[in-house]
Amino acid sequence: MTESCDLTAREMIQAFAARTLSPVEVMQSVLDRMAMAEPVLAATWAAKPERALAEARRSERRWASGAPAGPLDGVPVTIKELIATEGDPKPVGSAAGDMTPQPQDAPPVQRLREAGAIPFAKTTNPDYGMLSSGLSSFHALSRNPWDTSRTPGGSSAGAGSAAAAGYGPLHLGTDIGGSIRLPAGWCGIFGLKPSFGRVPIDPPYIGRVAGPMTRTVADAALIMAATAQPDERDYMSLPPADIAWDDLAIDLQGLRIGLLLDAGCGMPAEPETREAVIAAARLIESAGAIVEPVRPFLTPEMLDGLDRFWRTRFHDETRSLPPERYATILPYIRAWVEPARGYDGLSVYTGFDQIIRMQEAGIAAFRGYDFMLSPTAPVPAFPADWASPVNDPARPFEHIGFTVAYNMTEQPAASINCGYTAAGLPIGLQIIGRRFDDLGVLRLAHAYEAMRPAQRPWPRPWTGGAA
C-alpha cells in the first residue's frame, strides 16, 4: 500500500479536495519517513516538524471550508539550504558560514508559501555549493538512497536524496553548473534547470537558477507555475510570461532533436551511460522525432577558463575570512581555490572570456534543433565521501561537461531517469530546449516519462530494500 508521503503533489491535492486525505495526515507521514530515513541519508537540516504540523492543521481547516489558500495548499516542500528562508541561518553548507538568521524568504520560497505549500525542512549542500557531492564541513555526509555508499550528487545533494526517499513530493534546488540535474540523474528523479531568469532568485548570479526536483514531471510543472512569477529583487530575471504549465501534451512527429554523446571535454561517458541514453533517444525517435548525432562544441580550454574564473570568484568570497574560520572549510575546496591567489588580471579575464566562448558555441550548436539529448553525467554516482568522480581538486569539473554549458547559454535543461547500471544505480538523460522554452522541455520529458520502460521501485535503505 502506498504511504501518503509517496503520493505525488497532484494526488495529494486531489485527495485534499475530495476530503479523502488530510494535509495533517500527509505531513505526519512525511515527518515519519524523514525520521526513519535521516539516520541513514542525512538529507535535511533545520527541520521544523511542530511548525509544519501547525501549518498543516490550518490548511486542513481551509480545505474543509472549501477555501484553499492556493493551488499547493498543504503540500509539503523542502528548500535547499542555499536558498534563504525567513528566520533561519544560511550557513551555505560550511563550518565557515554565517549563522545569522535570514530576514526574509528568497523569491521562490515566498511564491511557494503564497501558493499554500508548507516548507518543513532545509536540504543539505556541500561547502558553498561548490561540489557535485554531499560532502560538507557543516552538515553530516548525505547519501544516495539507491546505494548509501554512494553520493546523491550535488550541490543539491539533500534535495536529490530526499526526493528519491519520499520526503514528500516537492523539492527546490539551485543549479549553476549542474547542481539540480546531476543529483537528479544520480538519484533517479526529475530535475529541471529553468531558463536563466525564469524563476527569480536572490541573490542572482551568472548562470544561477532555482528549480524543481521531483519524482514526476507533472509535479515539477506545479513548482514552476508557483515560482515563475515576477520579483523585483532579481534584477536579472525575465519579464513575466503567460505559460500554460499544466499543458504537457506534445506531438513528437517531425521534431528535430540532436544527440550529444561526447561533451568535448572532461570525462567520457561510460558505456552503460551511453547505451541507456542511446536507447532513450531511439524510443523518442520511434514516436516520430528526427534524432541525429551532434558534434561536441565545448573544449578543454572552455572548461579550464570557467574553472579559473570560479576559483577567483571563490577566493574573493573567502579572502576576508579570519584564518581560523577559513581553516574550517573543506580541505579539498581550500586546495582548489589556493592557486587563485597567484592569478593575474589577464588570467582572470581570459577565464571569464571562455564562458562567453562557451555561450557562443552552445547557441551555435543548437541551431536547427528543437531539443537536444545527452547524458546528464558521464558516470554513475561515485563514493559518498568523495568530492567529485575523480576526487582531485586540480581536476574539479571533469564531470560537468554535459551540464555546465546550458547554464551559460541560459537554456532550460532537465534530467530524467532513463535506466540503471548493472549495479542498480540510476542513469540520467538530459533534455535541453531552446532559450526560454521551459515548457517544451517539460513536455518532451513528460512524453518520454510515459513511454520509457517500467521504473524500479523507489529505494528504502532504512528497511534494507525497495518500496
Protein backbone atom coordinates (compact mmCIF):
# COMPACT_ATOMS: atom_id res chain seq x y z
CA MET A 1 0.00 0.00 0.00
CA THR A 2 1.32 3.45 -0.95
CA GLU A 3 2.10 5.65 2.05
CA SER A 4 0.76 9.18 1.74
CA CYS A 5 4.29 10.64 1.79
CA ASP A 6 4.93 8.79 -1.51
CA LEU A 7 1.95 10.32 -3.31
CA THR A 8 2.58 12.91 -5.99
CA ALA A 9 1.63 16.50 -5.24
CA ARG A 10 -1.21 16.25 -7.74
CA GLU A 11 -2.57 13.16 -5.98
CA MET A 12 -2.35 14.94 -2.63
CA ILE A 13 -4.26 17.97 -3.91
CA GLN A 14 -6.99 15.77 -5.40
CA ALA A 15 -7.30 13.89 -2.11
CA PHE A 16 -7.46 17.12 -0.09
CA ALA A 17 -10.24 18.44 -2.33
CA ALA A 18 -12.17 15.14 -2.06
CA ARG A 19 -11.69 15.08 1.73
CA THR A 20 -10.21 11.56 1.49
CA LEU A 21 -6.88 12.68 2.92
CA SER A 22 -5.87 15.50 5.23
CA PRO A 23 -2.80 17.76 4.98
CA VAL A 24 -2.11 16.77 8.58
CA GLU A 25 -2.02 13.07 7.68
CA VAL A 26 0.31 13.80 4.77
CA MET A 27 2.66 15.95 6.81
CA GLN A 28 2.81 13.38 9.60
CA SER A 29 3.59 10.67 7.06
CA VAL A 30 6.39 12.81 5.58
CA LEU A 31 7.82 13.54 9.02
CA ASP A 32 7.66 9.84 9.93
CA ARG A 33 9.50 8.92 6.73
CA MET A 34 12.12 11.58 7.41
CA ALA A 35 12.60 10.34 10.97
CA MET A 36 13.22 6.80 9.72
CA ALA A 37 15.49 7.74 6.83
CA GLU A 38 17.57 10.62 8.19
CA PRO A 39 19.92 8.45 10.30
CA VAL A 40 20.85 6.74 7.03
CA LEU A 41 20.67 9.56 4.46
CA ALA A 42 21.37 12.86 6.31
CA ALA A 43 19.45 14.79 3.65
CA THR A 44 17.99 17.62 5.76
CA TRP A 45 18.85 20.33 8.21
CA ALA A 46 16.80 22.74 10.32
CA ALA A 47 13.59 20.71 10.15
CA LYS A 48 10.62 22.27 11.93
CA PRO A 49 8.10 19.47 12.48
CA GLU A 50 5.87 21.23 15.02
CA ARG A 51 5.57 24.35 12.88
CA ALA A 52 4.87 22.21 9.81
CA LEU A 53 2.10 20.31 11.60
CA ALA A 54 0.56 23.57 12.82
CA GLU A 55 0.52 24.88 9.25
CA ALA A 56 -0.96 21.59 8.07
CA ARG A 57 -3.79 21.93 10.60
CA ARG A 58 -4.57 25.39 9.26
CA SER A 59 -4.52 24.00 5.72
CA GLU A 60 -6.87 21.21 6.80
CA ARG A 61 -9.37 23.78 8.05
CA ARG A 62 -9.16 25.73 4.79
CA TRP A 63 -9.82 22.63 2.68
CA ALA A 64 -12.71 21.70 4.98
CA SER A 65 -14.31 25.09 4.37
CA GLY A 66 -13.70 24.85 0.62
CA ALA A 67 -11.28 27.78 0.58
CA PRO A 68 -7.69 26.57 -0.02
CA ALA A 69 -5.07 29.32 0.16
CA GLY A 70 -3.63 28.43 -3.23
CA PRO A 71 -3.02 25.60 -5.71
CA LEU A 72 -0.44 23.90 -3.44
CA ASP A 73 -2.24 24.34 -0.12
CA GLY A 74 -0.99 21.76 2.37
CA VAL A 75 1.62 20.14 0.12
CA PRO A 76 5.00 19.60 1.87
CA VAL A 77 8.11 21.07 0.25
CA THR A 78 11.81 21.11 1.15
CA ILE A 79 14.11 24.05 0.41
CA LYS A 80 17.81 23.80 -0.39
CA GLU A 81 19.97 25.27 2.36
CA LEU A 82 21.48 27.85 -0.03
CA ILE A 83 18.04 29.43 -0.53
CA ALA A 84 17.07 31.86 2.23
CA THR A 85 14.09 31.13 4.46
CA GLU A 86 12.95 33.77 6.93
CA GLY A 87 14.30 33.28 10.44
CA ASP A 88 16.74 30.50 9.52
CA PRO A 89 20.51 30.85 9.20
CA LYS A 90 22.12 30.22 5.83
CA PRO A 91 25.49 28.66 6.64
CA VAL A 92 26.00 27.75 2.94
CA GLY A 93 26.91 24.20 3.91
CA SER A 94 30.16 25.24 5.55
CA ALA A 95 31.54 25.37 9.06
CA ALA A 96 32.89 28.76 7.98
CA GLY A 97 29.39 30.00 7.17
CA ASP A 98 27.37 32.78 8.77
CA MET A 99 24.69 31.67 11.25
CA THR A 100 22.78 34.97 11.21
CA PRO A 101 19.03 34.31 10.71
CA GLN A 102 17.81 35.45 7.30
CA PRO A 103 15.48 38.48 7.33
CA GLN A 104 13.12 37.22 4.60
CA ASP A 105 12.27 34.38 2.29
CA ALA A 106 14.03 34.28 -1.07
CA PRO A 107 11.63 34.85 -4.01
CA PRO A 108 10.87 31.18 -4.87
CA VAL A 109 10.21 30.32 -1.24
CA GLN A 110 7.85 33.28 -0.90
CA ARG A 111 5.99 32.18 -4.05
CA LEU A 112 5.66 28.61 -2.76
CA ARG A 113 4.27 29.83 0.57
CA GLU A 114 1.81 32.08 -1.27
CA ALA A 115 0.65 29.03 -3.23
CA GLY A 116 -0.01 27.25 0.08
CA ALA A 117 2.93 24.83 0.12
CA ILE A 118 4.44 24.06 3.52
CA PRO A 119 8.26 24.22 3.79
CA PHE A 120 9.16 21.83 6.59
CA ALA A 121 12.95 21.35 6.26
CA LYS A 122 16.07 22.63 4.54
CA THR A 123 18.04 20.17 2.42
CA THR A 124 21.80 19.87 2.69
CA ASN A 125 24.51 21.02 0.30
CA PRO A 126 28.34 20.94 0.32
CA ASP A 127 30.51 23.88 1.33
CA TYR A 128 29.34 26.98 -0.56
CA GLY A 129 27.58 24.71 -3.06
CA MET A 130 30.94 24.19 -4.76
CA LEU A 131 30.90 20.38 -5.10
CA SER A 132 28.84 17.83 -7.01
CA SER A 133 28.57 15.71 -3.86
CA GLY A 134 27.12 15.88 -0.36
CA LEU A 135 30.49 16.37 1.34
CA SER A 136 30.25 19.25 3.83
CA SER A 137 32.21 20.66 6.74
CA PHE A 138 28.91 21.69 8.38
CA HIS A 139 26.31 19.05 7.53
CA ALA A 140 26.52 15.32 8.06
CA LEU A 141 27.52 13.40 4.94
CA SER A 142 24.44 12.97 2.74
CA ARG A 143 23.98 9.66 0.94
CA ASN A 144 22.19 8.19 -2.05
CA PRO A 145 19.10 6.09 -1.22
CA TRP A 146 19.85 3.69 -4.10
CA ASP A 147 23.21 2.80 -2.56
CA THR A 148 24.19 4.51 0.67
CA SER A 149 27.88 4.01 -0.07
CA ARG A 150 27.37 6.42 -2.99
CA THR A 151 26.81 10.17 -3.22
CA PRO A 152 23.43 11.65 -4.09
CA GLY A 153 25.34 14.24 -6.13
CA GLY A 154 25.33 17.96 -5.58
CA SER A 155 25.25 20.63 -4.86
CA SER A 156 21.50 19.99 -4.33
CA ALA A 157 22.56 16.85 -2.51
CA GLY A 158 19.93 16.58 0.19
CA ALA A 159 17.14 17.51 -2.22
CA GLY A 160 18.02 14.64 -4.55
CA SER A 161 18.24 12.17 -1.70
CA ALA A 162 15.03 13.42 -0.06
CA ALA A 163 13.04 13.22 -3.30
CA ALA A 164 14.15 9.66 -4.03
CA ALA A 165 13.46 8.62 -0.44
CA GLY A 166 9.94 10.05 -0.36
CA TYR A 167 10.25 13.08 1.92
CA GLY A 168 7.14 14.39 0.18
CA PRO A 169 6.74 15.27 -3.50
CA LEU A 170 8.24 18.76 -3.91
CA HIS A 171 11.84 19.89 -3.50
CA LEU A 172 13.50 23.16 -4.53
CA GLY A 173 17.15 23.21 -5.59
CA THR A 174 19.62 25.54 -7.31
CA ASP A 175 21.93 25.00 -10.29
CA ILE A 176 24.93 26.93 -11.63
CA GLY A 177 26.79 24.11 -13.40
CA GLY A 178 24.63 21.02 -12.91
CA SER A 179 23.60 21.22 -9.24
CA ILE A 180 19.97 20.26 -9.89
CA ARG A 181 20.50 17.91 -12.84
CA LEU A 182 23.45 15.90 -11.50
CA PRO A 183 21.77 14.79 -8.24
CA ALA A 184 18.53 14.27 -10.17
CA GLY A 185 20.36 11.92 -12.54
CA TRP A 186 22.23 10.08 -9.82
CA CYS A 187 19.12 9.72 -7.62
CA GLY A 188 16.74 8.66 -10.41
CA ILE A 189 14.37 11.61 -10.07
CA PHE A 190 13.33 14.50 -12.33
CA GLY A 191 15.09 17.84 -12.08
CA LEU A 192 14.65 20.99 -14.17
CA LYS A 193 17.17 23.78 -14.55
CA PRO A 194 14.89 26.51 -15.91
CA SER A 195 15.92 29.19 -18.37
CA PHE A 196 18.13 31.75 -16.67
CA GLY A 197 15.88 34.32 -15.01
CA ARG A 198 12.66 32.32 -15.36
CA VAL A 199 12.42 31.77 -11.60
CA PRO A 200 13.54 34.90 -9.74
CA ILE A 201 16.25 34.22 -7.16
CA ASP A 202 18.06 36.36 -4.63
CA PRO A 203 20.96 36.87 -4.98
CA PRO A 204 21.14 36.38 -8.76
CA TYR A 205 24.42 35.49 -10.46
CA ILE A 206 25.61 34.46 -13.93
CA GLY A 207 24.18 31.01 -14.66
CA ARG A 208 22.49 30.58 -11.26
CA VAL A 209 18.90 29.34 -11.23
CA ALA A 210 16.40 27.80 -8.83
CA GLY A 211 14.25 24.91 -9.97
CA PRO A 212 12.20 21.84 -9.09
CA MET A 213 13.37 18.37 -8.07
CA THR A 214 10.51 15.87 -8.03
CA ARG A 215 9.63 12.27 -8.80
CA THR A 216 7.37 13.24 -11.72
CA VAL A 217 7.44 15.83 -14.48
CA ALA A 218 3.90 16.96 -13.71
CA ASP A 219 4.87 17.82 -10.13
CA ALA A 220 7.81 19.87 -11.40
CA ALA A 221 5.34 21.83 -13.51
CA LEU A 222 3.43 22.68 -10.33
CA ILE A 223 6.56 24.21 -8.79
CA MET A 224 7.23 26.16 -11.98
CA ALA A 225 3.69 27.54 -12.04
CA ALA A 226 4.14 28.80 -8.50
CA THR A 227 7.70 30.14 -8.69
CA ALA A 228 7.98 31.59 -12.22
CA GLN A 229 6.42 34.82 -11.03
CA PRO A 230 7.97 38.31 -11.02
CA ASP A 231 10.03 39.55 -8.09
CA GLU A 232 11.94 42.84 -8.27
CA ARG A 233 14.73 41.52 -6.04
CA ASP A 234 16.08 39.59 -9.03
CA TYR A 235 17.35 42.31 -11.36
CA MET A 236 18.39 39.64 -13.90
CA SER A 237 15.02 37.91 -14.14
CA LEU A 238 12.97 37.50 -17.31
CA PRO A 239 9.81 39.53 -17.96
CA PRO A 240 6.60 37.89 -16.75
CA ALA A 241 5.23 35.36 -19.23
CA ASP A 242 1.87 33.63 -19.55
CA ILE A 243 2.92 29.98 -19.69
CA ALA A 244 0.47 27.07 -19.65
CA TRP A 245 2.47 24.96 -17.21
CA ASP A 246 -0.32 22.39 -16.91
CA ASP A 247 -0.47 21.72 -20.65
CA LEU A 248 2.15 18.97 -21.06
CA ALA A 249 0.89 17.46 -24.30
CA ILE A 250 3.32 17.36 -27.24
CA ASP A 251 3.39 15.85 -30.73
CA LEU A 252 6.86 14.42 -31.34
CA GLN A 253 6.28 13.93 -35.07
CA GLY A 254 8.90 15.82 -37.05
CA LEU A 255 10.73 17.37 -34.09
CA ARG A 256 14.44 17.80 -34.81
CA ILE A 257 16.49 16.51 -31.90
CA GLY A 258 20.27 16.41 -31.57
CA LEU A 259 22.02 13.59 -29.73
CA LEU A 260 25.24 14.64 -27.97
CA LEU A 261 27.26 11.70 -26.64
CA ASP A 262 30.65 13.42 -26.41
CA ALA A 263 30.92 16.58 -24.31
CA GLY A 264 34.21 17.57 -25.92
CA CYS A 265 35.96 17.89 -22.57
CA GLY A 266 36.19 16.19 -19.23
CA MET A 267 35.32 12.55 -18.61
CA PRO A 268 33.93 10.47 -21.47
CA ALA A 269 30.55 8.84 -20.94
CA GLU A 270 30.87 5.27 -19.66
CA PRO A 271 29.43 2.50 -21.87
CA GLU A 272 26.39 1.81 -19.66
CA THR A 273 25.53 5.51 -19.68
CA ARG A 274 25.92 5.82 -23.46
CA GLU A 275 23.79 2.75 -24.08
CA ALA A 276 20.96 3.97 -21.83
CA VAL A 277 20.91 7.43 -23.44
CA ILE A 278 21.00 5.96 -26.96
CA ALA A 279 18.09 3.66 -26.06
CA ALA A 280 16.11 6.66 -24.79
CA ALA A 281 16.86 8.58 -28.00
CA ARG A 282 15.70 5.64 -30.13
CA LEU A 283 12.46 5.44 -28.15
CA ILE A 284 11.80 9.13 -28.78
CA GLU A 285 12.72 8.63 -32.43
CA SER A 286 10.21 5.79 -32.69
CA ALA A 287 7.47 8.27 -31.76
CA GLY A 288 8.22 10.35 -34.85
CA ALA A 289 11.08 12.64 -33.88
CA ILE A 290 14.12 13.07 -36.11
CA VAL A 291 17.20 12.30 -34.00
CA GLU A 292 20.70 12.87 -35.34
CA PRO A 293 24.17 12.96 -33.77
CA VAL A 294 25.71 16.28 -32.77
CA ARG A 295 29.41 17.04 -32.68
CA PRO A 296 30.83 18.29 -29.35
CA PHE A 297 31.09 22.06 -29.03
CA LEU A 298 32.88 22.50 -25.69
CA THR A 299 36.67 22.44 -25.47
CA PRO A 300 39.07 21.77 -22.59
CA GLU A 301 40.07 25.44 -22.79
CA MET A 302 36.49 26.50 -22.09
CA LEU A 303 36.20 24.26 -19.04
CA ASP A 304 39.64 25.36 -17.78
CA GLY A 305 38.71 29.02 -18.21
CA LEU A 306 35.49 28.57 -16.26
CA ASP A 307 37.47 26.79 -13.55
CA ARG A 308 39.94 29.69 -13.36
CA PHE A 309 37.18 32.28 -13.10
CA TRP A 310 35.25 30.32 -10.47
CA ARG A 311 38.39 29.82 -8.38
CA THR A 312 38.95 33.58 -8.46
CA ARG A 313 35.35 34.26 -7.51
CA PHE A 314 35.54 31.91 -4.55
CA HIS A 315 38.92 33.32 -3.49
CA ASP A 316 37.36 36.78 -3.40
CA GLU A 317 34.39 35.47 -1.42
CA THR A 318 36.57 33.90 1.29
CA ARG A 319 39.74 36.03 1.46
CA SER A 320 38.34 38.29 4.17
CA LEU A 321 37.50 35.39 6.49
CA PRO A 322 39.57 35.22 9.69
CA PRO A 323 42.22 32.49 9.35
CA GLU A 324 40.56 30.28 11.95
CA ARG A 325 37.25 30.34 10.04
CA TYR A 326 38.88 29.84 6.66
CA ALA A 327 40.64 26.76 8.04
CA THR A 328 37.27 25.09 8.72
CA ILE A 329 36.38 24.96 5.00
CA LEU A 330 36.81 21.50 3.45
CA PRO A 331 40.50 20.85 2.64
CA TYR A 332 39.52 19.83 -0.92
CA ILE A 333 37.93 23.22 -1.55
CA ARG A 334 40.84 25.11 0.01
CA ALA A 335 43.25 23.16 -2.21
CA TRP A 336 41.09 24.00 -5.21
CA VAL A 337 40.98 27.75 -4.53
CA GLU A 338 44.55 28.38 -3.39
CA PRO A 339 46.02 28.72 -6.92
CA ALA A 340 43.76 31.75 -7.48
CA ARG A 341 45.98 33.76 -5.14
CA GLY A 342 48.60 33.86 -7.90
CA TYR A 343 46.37 34.66 -10.89
CA ASP A 344 46.97 37.96 -12.66
CA GLY A 345 44.28 40.08 -14.27
CA LEU A 346 44.80 38.63 -17.72
CA SER A 347 44.36 35.07 -16.43
CA VAL A 348 41.06 36.00 -14.81
CA TYR A 349 39.86 37.90 -17.88
CA THR A 350 40.68 35.07 -20.27
CA GLY A 351 38.96 32.67 -17.89
CA PHE A 352 35.77 34.72 -18.00
CA ASP A 353 36.11 35.10 -21.76
CA GLN A 354 35.94 31.31 -22.11
CA ILE A 355 32.47 31.48 -20.57
CA ILE A 356 31.45 33.78 -23.43
CA ARG A 357 33.04 31.37 -25.93
CA MET A 358 31.05 28.56 -24.29
CA GLN A 359 27.86 30.54 -24.70
CA GLU A 360 28.55 31.31 -28.35
CA ALA A 361 29.45 27.72 -29.18
CA GLY A 362 26.45 26.28 -27.37
CA ILE A 363 23.93 28.51 -29.10
CA ALA A 364 25.55 27.84 -32.48
CA ALA A 365 25.48 24.07 -31.95
CA PHE A 366 21.75 24.22 -31.19
CA ARG A 367 20.75 25.94 -34.43
CA GLY A 368 18.37 23.80 -36.43
CA TYR A 369 17.24 21.74 -33.44
CA ASP A 370 14.12 21.87 -31.31
CA PHE A 371 15.76 19.90 -28.49
CA MET A 372 18.98 18.12 -27.66
CA LEU A 373 19.60 14.92 -25.69
CA SER A 374 22.74 13.90 -23.80
CA PRO A 375 23.83 12.05 -20.70
CA THR A 376 23.30 14.11 -17.57
CA ALA A 377 26.61 12.87 -16.18
CA PRO A 378 29.29 10.74 -17.81
CA VAL A 379 29.45 8.31 -14.89
CA PRO A 380 27.08 6.91 -12.25
CA ALA A 381 27.13 8.03 -8.61
CA PHE A 382 30.59 7.84 -7.05
CA PRO A 383 31.64 7.15 -3.42
CA ALA A 384 29.76 9.28 -0.90
CA ASP A 385 32.87 10.65 0.79
CA TRP A 386 34.49 11.83 -2.46
CA ALA A 387 34.23 15.44 -3.57
CA SER A 388 33.88 14.53 -7.26
CA PRO A 389 34.19 11.47 -9.52
CA VAL A 390 37.96 11.95 -9.83
CA ASN A 391 38.33 13.37 -6.28
CA ASP A 392 41.16 15.67 -7.37
CA PRO A 393 40.98 19.43 -6.67
CA ALA A 394 43.31 20.05 -9.62
CA ARG A 395 40.62 18.50 -11.91
CA PRO A 396 37.39 19.60 -10.25
CA PHE A 397 34.98 19.80 -13.19
CA GLU A 398 35.71 16.71 -15.26
CA HIS A 399 32.12 15.54 -14.78
CA ILE A 400 30.12 18.68 -15.68
CA GLY A 401 30.90 18.81 -19.41
CA PHE A 402 27.36 17.78 -20.34
CA THR A 403 25.60 20.20 -17.95
CA VAL A 404 27.52 23.44 -17.43
CA ALA A 405 27.21 24.85 -20.94
CA TYR A 406 23.45 25.32 -20.60
CA ASN A 407 23.84 27.48 -17.51
CA MET A 408 25.94 29.81 -19.65
CA THR A 409 23.71 29.64 -22.75
CA GLU A 410 20.73 30.30 -20.43
CA GLN A 411 18.77 27.38 -21.94
CA PRO A 412 16.37 25.17 -19.98
CA ALA A 413 17.66 21.65 -19.33
CA ALA A 414 16.27 18.72 -17.37
CA SER A 415 17.38 15.32 -16.14
CA ILE A 416 15.08 12.31 -16.14
CA ASN A 417 15.89 8.71 -15.34
CA CYS A 418 16.50 6.55 -18.42
CA GLY A 419 17.84 3.30 -16.97
CA TYR A 420 20.09 1.64 -14.42
CA THR A 421 23.62 0.32 -14.32
CA ALA A 422 24.32 -3.36 -13.70
CA ALA A 423 24.85 -2.36 -10.06
CA GLY A 424 21.37 -0.81 -9.91
CA LEU A 425 22.38 2.87 -9.96
CA PRO A 426 20.16 5.32 -11.89
CA ILE A 427 21.29 6.89 -15.18
CA GLY A 428 20.15 10.38 -16.14
CA LEU A 429 19.04 11.52 -19.60
CA GLN A 430 19.46 15.27 -20.11
CA ILE A 431 16.86 17.07 -22.25
CA ILE A 432 17.82 20.57 -23.40
CA GLY A 433 15.49 23.10 -25.02
CA ARG A 434 15.83 26.38 -26.84
CA ARG A 435 16.24 29.51 -24.76
CA PHE A 436 13.03 30.29 -22.87
CA ASP A 437 11.29 27.03 -23.93
CA ASP A 438 10.96 25.66 -20.41
CA LEU A 439 7.51 24.31 -21.20
CA GLY A 440 8.85 22.46 -24.24
CA VAL A 441 11.45 20.69 -22.08
CA LEU A 442 8.75 19.68 -19.61
CA ARG A 443 6.58 18.42 -22.44
CA LEU A 444 9.29 16.29 -24.04
CA ALA A 445 10.28 14.94 -20.62
CA HIS A 446 6.63 14.13 -19.87
CA ALA A 447 6.31 12.28 -23.17
CA TYR A 448 9.45 10.27 -22.51
CA GLU A 449 8.31 9.57 -18.94
CA ALA A 450 5.16 7.95 -20.34
CA MET A 451 6.99 5.78 -22.91
CA ARG A 452 10.10 4.70 -21.01
CA PRO A 453 10.37 1.17 -19.58
CA ALA A 454 8.85 0.50 -16.17
CA GLN A 455 10.87 2.04 -13.37
CA ARG A 456 12.23 0.10 -10.43
CA PRO A 457 10.57 0.58 -7.02
CA TRP A 458 11.83 3.56 -5.06
CA PRO A 459 14.61 2.57 -2.63
CA ARG A 460 14.03 2.18 1.08
CA PRO A 461 17.54 1.81 2.54
CA TRP A 462 16.28 2.30 6.09
CA THR A 463 14.48 -1.07 5.74
CA GLY A 464 17.15 -2.72 3.62
CA GLY A 465 15.08 -2.87 0.44
CA ALA A 466 12.86 -1.18 -2.16
CA ALA A 467 9.39 0.26 -1.82
